[in-house]
């Protein structure tokens, strides 16, 4: 008797998201929280002192943590100080679309500001600017009693796509703010907020001006790890030194690029090409989540410096650049 062939799963079933076993979070009838509840009392009082009006309080449907919905005066809310810079073009376009819609539907996410009696928004900078441009007196905010939420902006801020420069600058600004705390902890302690150690080093370089971080990201992702021994203040000082070395390497790369141009090479991918050529871990496979890098960053920088000094311009062929262009076309933008 012929064996039965297993049924093929449909495309729809293959694409279906896996569902977590068991239910979580409060039931609808358990979600409402009274405004006199101790869990939200401090937030409710702050809203009222800022000239705002509390609309409701409820338990988050995922974790059950308390949240407060409120109408706040625009003057009472500001972006977190370590966010990326405002894009006036995006804010203007957003204001025009909201005007067309006729209603301001999306609330801001907010936490209590540690600097005054107002609020910070880690998610909603462009919506706040749009509301100001539209002449609104108030704006709806969803407020969490947990100030630590302000440091999760990379996970929360989805209203305008981040490029590499945006993310790196936000991460280094967050790291500096965390390092100023009495007990800053280590980079590893803050891994969820900082996302990638490469963003810390690149952030230092972006703070100083223009830098082609995308060319160096493949290297840094392989050789950098979050520091788990020294506290943030100490580890950031070490990263300042690594960033200075990387900036010096980039100057050497610029020199090689100039020599290539003198030989007639014209391509927007010259920098990624040169950096890839001298990347000492380019061909090494690193397992995702590997705790130990294939080599320490200082050693990698030393090898790159030596390789740039010995770079053979005459060995470069046009087809080499064509290959880098094909690979780099999907890389992250600066």
Protein backbone atom coordinates (compact mmCIF):
# COMPACT_ATOMS: atom_id res chain seq x y z
CA UNK A 1 0.00 0.00 0.00
CA UNK A 2 1.41 3.37 -1.01
CA UNK A 3 2.24 5.65 1.86
CA UNK A 4 0.25 8.83 2.13
CA UNK A 5 2.06 12.02 1.32
CA UNK A 6 1.96 14.65 4.07
CA UNK A 7 -0.39 17.47 3.31
CA UNK A 8 1.26 20.69 2.29
CA UNK A 9 0.56 23.60 4.57
CA UNK A 10 -1.11 26.53 2.93
CA UNK A 11 0.75 29.81 2.48
CA UNK A 12 -1.64 31.45 4.95
CA UNK A 13 -0.87 28.90 7.68
CA UNK A 14 2.89 29.29 7.15
CA UNK A 15 2.64 33.06 7.56
CA UNK A 16 0.44 32.91 10.65
CA UNK A 17 2.12 34.31 13.75
CA UNK A 18 2.70 31.75 16.52
CA UNK A 19 0.30 32.28 19.39
CA UNK A 20 1.48 32.23 22.98
CA UNK A 21 -0.12 29.51 25.08
CA UNK A 22 -2.53 30.70 27.72
CA UNK A 23 -4.17 34.09 28.17
CA UNK A 24 -2.60 37.09 29.81
CA UNK A 25 -3.60 40.55 30.97
CA UNK A 26 -6.82 41.68 32.65
CA UNK A 27 -10.27 40.91 31.26
CA UNK A 28 -12.20 43.93 29.92
CA UNK A 29 -14.28 44.19 33.07
CA UNK A 30 -11.16 44.25 35.22
CA UNK A 31 -9.41 47.05 33.31
CA UNK A 32 -10.91 50.22 34.80
CA UNK A 33 -8.90 51.89 37.57
CA UNK A 34 -10.30 54.56 39.90
CA UNK A 35 -8.54 57.93 39.84
CA UNK A 36 -8.01 57.65 43.61
CA UNK A 37 -6.07 54.39 43.18
CA UNK A 38 -2.60 54.73 44.82
CA UNK A 39 -0.94 53.35 41.68
CA UNK A 40 -1.96 56.41 39.64
CA UNK A 41 -2.41 59.06 42.37
CA UNK A 42 0.93 60.79 41.71
CA UNK A 43 0.32 60.99 37.94
CA UNK A 44 -3.24 62.24 38.42
CA UNK A 45 -2.02 64.96 40.77
CA UNK A 46 0.74 66.02 38.35
CA UNK A 47 -1.73 66.24 35.45
CA UNK A 48 -4.02 68.50 37.43
CA UNK A 49 -1.17 70.71 38.68
CA UNK A 50 0.05 71.15 35.10
CA UNK A 51 -3.37 72.49 34.05
CA UNK A 52 -4.47 69.27 32.37
CA UNK A 53 -7.55 67.10 32.76
CA UNK A 54 -7.54 63.37 33.59
CA UNK A 55 -9.78 61.41 31.23
CA UNK A 56 -9.40 57.86 32.55
CA UNK A 57 -7.11 55.33 34.21
CA UNK A 58 -6.90 51.67 33.27
CA UNK A 59 -4.80 48.52 33.45
CA UNK A 60 -2.64 47.83 30.41
CA UNK A 61 -4.12 44.88 28.44
CA UNK A 62 -0.76 43.09 28.23
CA UNK A 63 0.87 43.46 31.65
CA UNK A 64 -1.90 44.97 33.76
CA UNK A 65 0.32 47.93 34.66
CA UNK A 66 -1.54 51.20 35.33
CA UNK A 67 -1.86 53.86 32.64
CA UNK A 68 -3.53 57.28 32.68
CA UNK A 69 -5.22 58.99 29.74
CA UNK A 70 -5.17 62.77 30.03
CA UNK A 71 -5.63 65.99 28.10
CA UNK A 72 -2.49 68.09 28.61
CA UNK A 73 -1.71 71.70 27.68
CA UNK A 74 1.00 71.76 25.00
CA UNK A 75 3.23 73.79 27.31
CA UNK A 76 3.32 70.94 29.84
CA UNK A 77 4.95 68.36 27.55
CA UNK A 78 8.38 68.27 25.90
CA UNK A 79 10.38 65.59 24.05
CA UNK A 80 12.98 63.63 26.02
CA UNK A 81 16.33 65.47 25.76
CA UNK A 82 18.17 62.51 24.20
CA UNK A 83 15.90 62.04 21.19
CA UNK A 84 16.98 62.57 17.60
CA UNK A 85 16.54 66.03 16.13
CA UNK A 86 13.15 67.17 14.88
CA UNK A 87 12.59 66.91 11.12
CA UNK A 88 10.70 70.14 10.21
CA UNK A 89 9.78 68.65 6.83
CA UNK A 90 8.18 65.60 8.43
CA UNK A 91 6.39 67.68 11.08
CA UNK A 92 5.01 70.05 8.41
CA UNK A 93 3.79 67.12 6.29
CA UNK A 94 2.22 65.47 9.34
CA UNK A 95 0.42 68.69 10.32
CA UNK A 96 -0.99 69.00 6.79
CA UNK A 97 -2.31 65.41 6.87
CA UNK A 98 -3.90 65.89 10.30
CA UNK A 99 -5.54 69.09 9.04
CA UNK A 100 -6.93 67.16 6.06
CA UNK A 101 -8.28 64.45 8.38
CA UNK A 102 -9.91 67.04 10.61
CA UNK A 103 -9.18 65.23 13.90
CA UNK A 104 -6.04 64.60 15.97
CA UNK A 105 -6.40 60.88 16.67
CA UNK A 106 -3.06 59.58 17.98
CA UNK A 107 -2.21 60.31 21.63
CA UNK A 108 1.38 60.91 22.72
CA UNK A 109 3.16 58.55 25.07
CA UNK A 110 4.33 60.42 28.17
CA UNK A 111 6.11 60.00 31.51
CA UNK A 112 6.74 62.43 34.35
CA UNK A 113 9.66 64.78 33.65
CA UNK A 114 12.35 64.66 36.34
CA UNK A 115 13.28 68.29 35.62
CA UNK A 116 10.01 70.08 36.42
CA UNK A 117 6.35 69.41 37.10
CA UNK A 118 5.59 68.59 33.47
CA UNK A 119 5.95 65.58 31.21
CA UNK A 120 8.38 64.06 28.74
CA UNK A 121 7.27 62.29 25.56
CA UNK A 122 9.59 59.52 24.33
CA UNK A 123 7.17 58.81 21.50
CA UNK A 124 5.49 61.68 19.67
CA UNK A 125 7.97 64.48 19.01
CA UNK A 126 6.67 65.11 15.49
CA UNK A 127 3.02 64.88 16.56
CA UNK A 128 3.73 67.43 19.28
CA UNK A 129 5.34 69.78 16.74
CA UNK A 130 2.39 69.23 14.38
CA UNK A 131 -0.06 70.12 17.17
CA UNK A 132 1.89 73.31 17.84
CA UNK A 133 1.87 74.18 14.13
CA UNK A 134 -1.90 73.62 14.02
CA UNK A 135 -2.41 76.02 16.94
CA UNK A 136 -3.84 73.44 19.36
CA UNK A 137 -4.12 74.37 23.01
CA UNK A 138 -4.04 70.81 24.27
CA UNK A 139 -3.15 67.27 23.28
CA UNK A 140 -4.14 63.80 24.46
CA UNK A 141 -1.39 61.82 26.21
CA UNK A 142 -1.16 58.26 27.47
CA UNK A 143 0.90 58.53 30.64
CA UNK A 144 2.86 55.78 32.33
CA UNK A 145 3.82 56.13 36.03
CA UNK A 146 7.15 54.44 35.15
CA UNK A 147 9.80 57.07 34.22
CA UNK A 148 12.10 54.29 32.91
CA UNK A 149 9.83 54.07 29.88
CA UNK A 150 11.52 57.23 28.59
CA UNK A 151 14.65 55.18 27.93
CA UNK A 152 12.89 52.74 25.61
CA UNK A 153 12.50 55.22 22.76
CA UNK A 154 14.13 53.01 20.15
CA UNK A 155 11.53 50.34 20.73
CA UNK A 156 8.63 52.79 20.94
CA UNK A 157 9.34 55.54 18.44
CA UNK A 158 7.88 54.34 15.17
CA UNK A 159 6.28 57.50 13.78
CA UNK A 160 9.32 58.30 11.59
CA UNK A 161 11.80 55.62 10.54
CA UNK A 162 15.21 55.84 12.21
CA UNK A 163 18.35 55.75 10.14
CA UNK A 164 21.70 54.68 11.57
CA UNK A 165 22.67 58.22 12.58
CA UNK A 166 19.33 58.79 14.39
CA UNK A 167 19.58 55.58 16.37
CA UNK A 168 23.25 56.05 17.27
CA UNK A 169 22.72 59.62 18.50
CA UNK A 170 19.70 58.60 20.59
CA UNK A 171 21.62 55.71 22.14
CA UNK A 172 24.69 57.75 23.10
CA UNK A 173 22.48 60.51 24.54
CA UNK A 174 20.57 57.95 26.60
CA UNK A 175 23.84 56.37 27.75
CA UNK A 176 25.18 59.74 28.90
CA UNK A 177 21.95 60.45 30.79
CA UNK A 178 22.08 57.02 32.45
CA UNK A 179 25.78 57.44 33.27
CA UNK A 180 24.92 60.61 35.22
CA UNK A 181 22.73 58.65 37.65
CA UNK A 182 24.04 57.80 41.13
CA UNK A 183 24.11 54.07 40.32
CA UNK A 184 24.44 53.90 36.53
CA UNK A 185 25.10 50.16 36.28
CA UNK A 186 26.94 48.64 33.33
CA UNK A 187 26.21 48.71 29.60
CA UNK A 188 25.04 45.12 29.86
CA UNK A 189 22.54 46.14 32.54
CA UNK A 190 21.05 48.63 30.04
CA UNK A 191 21.21 46.40 26.95
CA UNK A 192 17.44 46.57 26.35
CA UNK A 193 17.52 50.37 26.15
CA UNK A 194 20.81 50.72 24.27
CA UNK A 195 20.02 47.97 21.74
CA UNK A 196 23.51 47.57 20.22
CA UNK A 197 27.03 48.41 21.47
CA UNK A 198 27.89 49.57 17.94
CA UNK A 199 25.41 52.46 18.35
CA UNK A 200 27.38 53.74 21.36
CA UNK A 201 30.66 54.01 19.46
CA UNK A 202 29.04 55.37 16.32
CA UNK A 203 27.01 57.83 18.38
CA UNK A 204 30.21 59.38 19.75
CA UNK A 205 31.45 59.85 16.19
CA UNK A 206 28.15 61.28 14.93
CA UNK A 207 28.17 63.78 17.81
CA UNK A 208 31.37 65.25 16.34
CA UNK A 209 29.96 65.72 12.84
CA UNK A 210 29.51 63.79 9.61
CA UNK A 211 30.63 60.17 9.61
CA UNK A 212 30.00 57.24 7.27
CA UNK A 213 28.89 54.86 9.99
CA UNK A 214 27.26 52.40 7.60
CA UNK A 215 30.68 51.44 6.22
CA UNK A 216 31.91 50.43 9.69
CA UNK A 217 28.72 48.86 11.07
CA UNK A 218 29.50 45.30 9.81
CA UNK A 219 32.85 45.42 11.64
CA UNK A 220 31.46 46.86 14.87
CA UNK A 221 28.57 44.40 15.01
CA UNK A 222 31.03 41.51 14.99
CA UNK A 223 33.65 42.78 17.43
CA UNK A 224 31.70 44.93 19.91
CA UNK A 225 29.92 43.66 23.01
CA UNK A 226 28.26 45.47 25.91
CA UNK A 227 30.67 46.02 28.81
CA UNK A 228 29.53 43.95 31.81
CA UNK A 229 32.24 44.84 34.35
CA UNK A 230 32.91 48.58 34.44
CA UNK A 231 30.07 51.03 35.03
CA UNK A 232 28.72 53.25 32.26
CA UNK A 233 30.87 56.25 33.13
CA UNK A 234 34.05 54.18 32.79
CA UNK A 235 32.99 52.25 29.69
CA UNK A 236 31.97 55.43 27.85
CA UNK A 237 35.44 56.87 28.44
CA UNK A 238 36.92 53.75 26.85
CA UNK A 239 34.57 54.11 23.90
CA UNK A 240 35.71 57.71 23.43
CA UNK A 241 39.19 56.34 22.83
CA UNK A 242 37.96 53.69 20.38
CA UNK A 243 35.93 56.30 18.52
CA UNK A 244 39.03 58.51 18.19
CA UNK A 245 40.96 55.60 16.72
CA UNK A 246 38.12 54.86 14.31
CA UNK A 247 38.06 58.51 13.23
CA UNK A 248 41.81 58.33 12.53
CA UNK A 249 41.24 55.17 10.49
CA UNK A 250 38.54 56.95 8.52
CA UNK A 251 41.05 59.67 7.63
CA UNK A 252 43.36 56.95 6.28
CA UNK A 253 40.44 55.51 4.32
CA UNK A 254 39.81 58.95 2.80
CA UNK A 255 43.43 59.01 1.66
CA UNK A 256 43.06 55.64 -0.06
CA UNK A 257 39.82 56.81 -1.71
CA UNK A 258 41.59 59.88 -3.09
CA UNK A 259 44.28 57.67 -4.63
CA UNK A 260 41.62 55.47 -6.18
CA UNK A 261 39.93 58.53 -7.68
CA UNK A 262 43.23 59.63 -9.15
CA UNK A 263 43.31 56.27 -10.96
CA UNK A 264 39.88 56.97 -12.44
CA UNK A 265 37.58 55.14 -10.03
CA UNK A 266 34.27 56.95 -9.57
CA UNK A 267 31.70 55.29 -7.30
CA UNK A 268 29.57 56.22 -4.25
CA UNK A 269 30.67 52.89 -2.77
CA UNK A 270 34.40 53.61 -2.58
CA UNK A 271 34.35 54.00 1.22
CA UNK A 272 32.40 50.77 1.94
CA UNK A 273 34.72 49.02 -0.53
CA UNK A 274 37.94 50.19 1.15
CA UNK A 275 36.63 49.55 4.67
CA UNK A 276 35.49 46.05 3.68
CA UNK A 277 38.92 45.31 2.18
CA UNK A 278 40.69 46.10 5.47
CA UNK A 279 38.03 44.64 7.80
CA UNK A 280 39.91 41.86 9.66
CA UNK A 281 36.72 39.96 10.54
CA UNK A 282 35.00 40.36 7.18
CA UNK A 283 34.93 36.63 6.40
CA UNK A 284 34.47 35.35 9.95
CA UNK A 285 31.06 33.94 10.77
CA UNK A 286 29.75 34.98 14.16
CA UNK A 287 26.74 33.26 15.69
CA UNK A 288 23.91 35.65 16.69
CA UNK A 289 24.09 36.36 20.41
CA UNK A 290 27.67 35.08 20.74
CA UNK A 291 29.07 36.43 24.02
CA UNK A 292 32.71 36.43 22.90
CA UNK A 293 33.72 38.43 19.79
CA UNK A 294 36.09 36.88 17.22
CA UNK A 295 38.66 39.49 18.29
CA UNK A 296 38.68 42.53 20.61
CA UNK A 297 37.88 45.89 19.02
CA UNK A 298 41.33 47.42 19.82
CA UNK A 299 43.04 44.54 17.99
CA UNK A 300 40.69 44.91 15.02
CA UNK A 301 41.48 48.64 14.82
CA UNK A 302 45.22 47.93 14.95
CA UNK A 303 44.93 45.43 12.09
CA UNK A 304 42.87 47.87 10.03
CA UNK A 305 45.50 50.59 10.48
CA UNK A 306 48.22 48.22 9.30
CA UNK A 307 46.15 47.01 6.31
CA UNK A 308 45.44 50.59 5.22
CA UNK A 309 49.14 51.41 5.34
CA UNK A 310 49.85 48.43 3.04
CA UNK A 311 46.79 48.92 0.78
CA UNK A 312 47.64 47.99 -2.84
CA UNK A 313 45.82 50.47 -5.08
CA UNK A 314 46.96 48.69 -8.24
CA UNK A 315 45.17 45.49 -7.18
CA UNK A 316 41.70 47.11 -7.32
CA UNK A 317 39.57 46.16 -10.34
CA UNK A 318 36.30 47.73 -11.56
CA UNK A 319 34.41 44.47 -10.98
CA UNK A 320 35.41 44.59 -7.30
CA UNK A 321 33.51 47.84 -6.88
CA UNK A 322 30.51 46.47 -8.77
CA UNK A 323 30.25 43.62 -6.26
CA UNK A 324 30.39 45.99 -3.28
CA UNK A 325 27.70 48.18 -4.88
CA UNK A 326 25.38 45.17 -5.19
CA UNK A 327 25.91 44.21 -1.55
CA UNK A 328 25.77 47.76 -0.16
CA UNK A 329 22.50 48.66 -1.88
CA UNK A 330 20.56 47.02 0.95
CA UNK A 331 22.71 48.43 3.78
CA UNK A 332 21.39 50.87 6.37
CA UNK A 333 21.60 54.52 5.47
CA UNK A 334 23.48 57.07 7.53
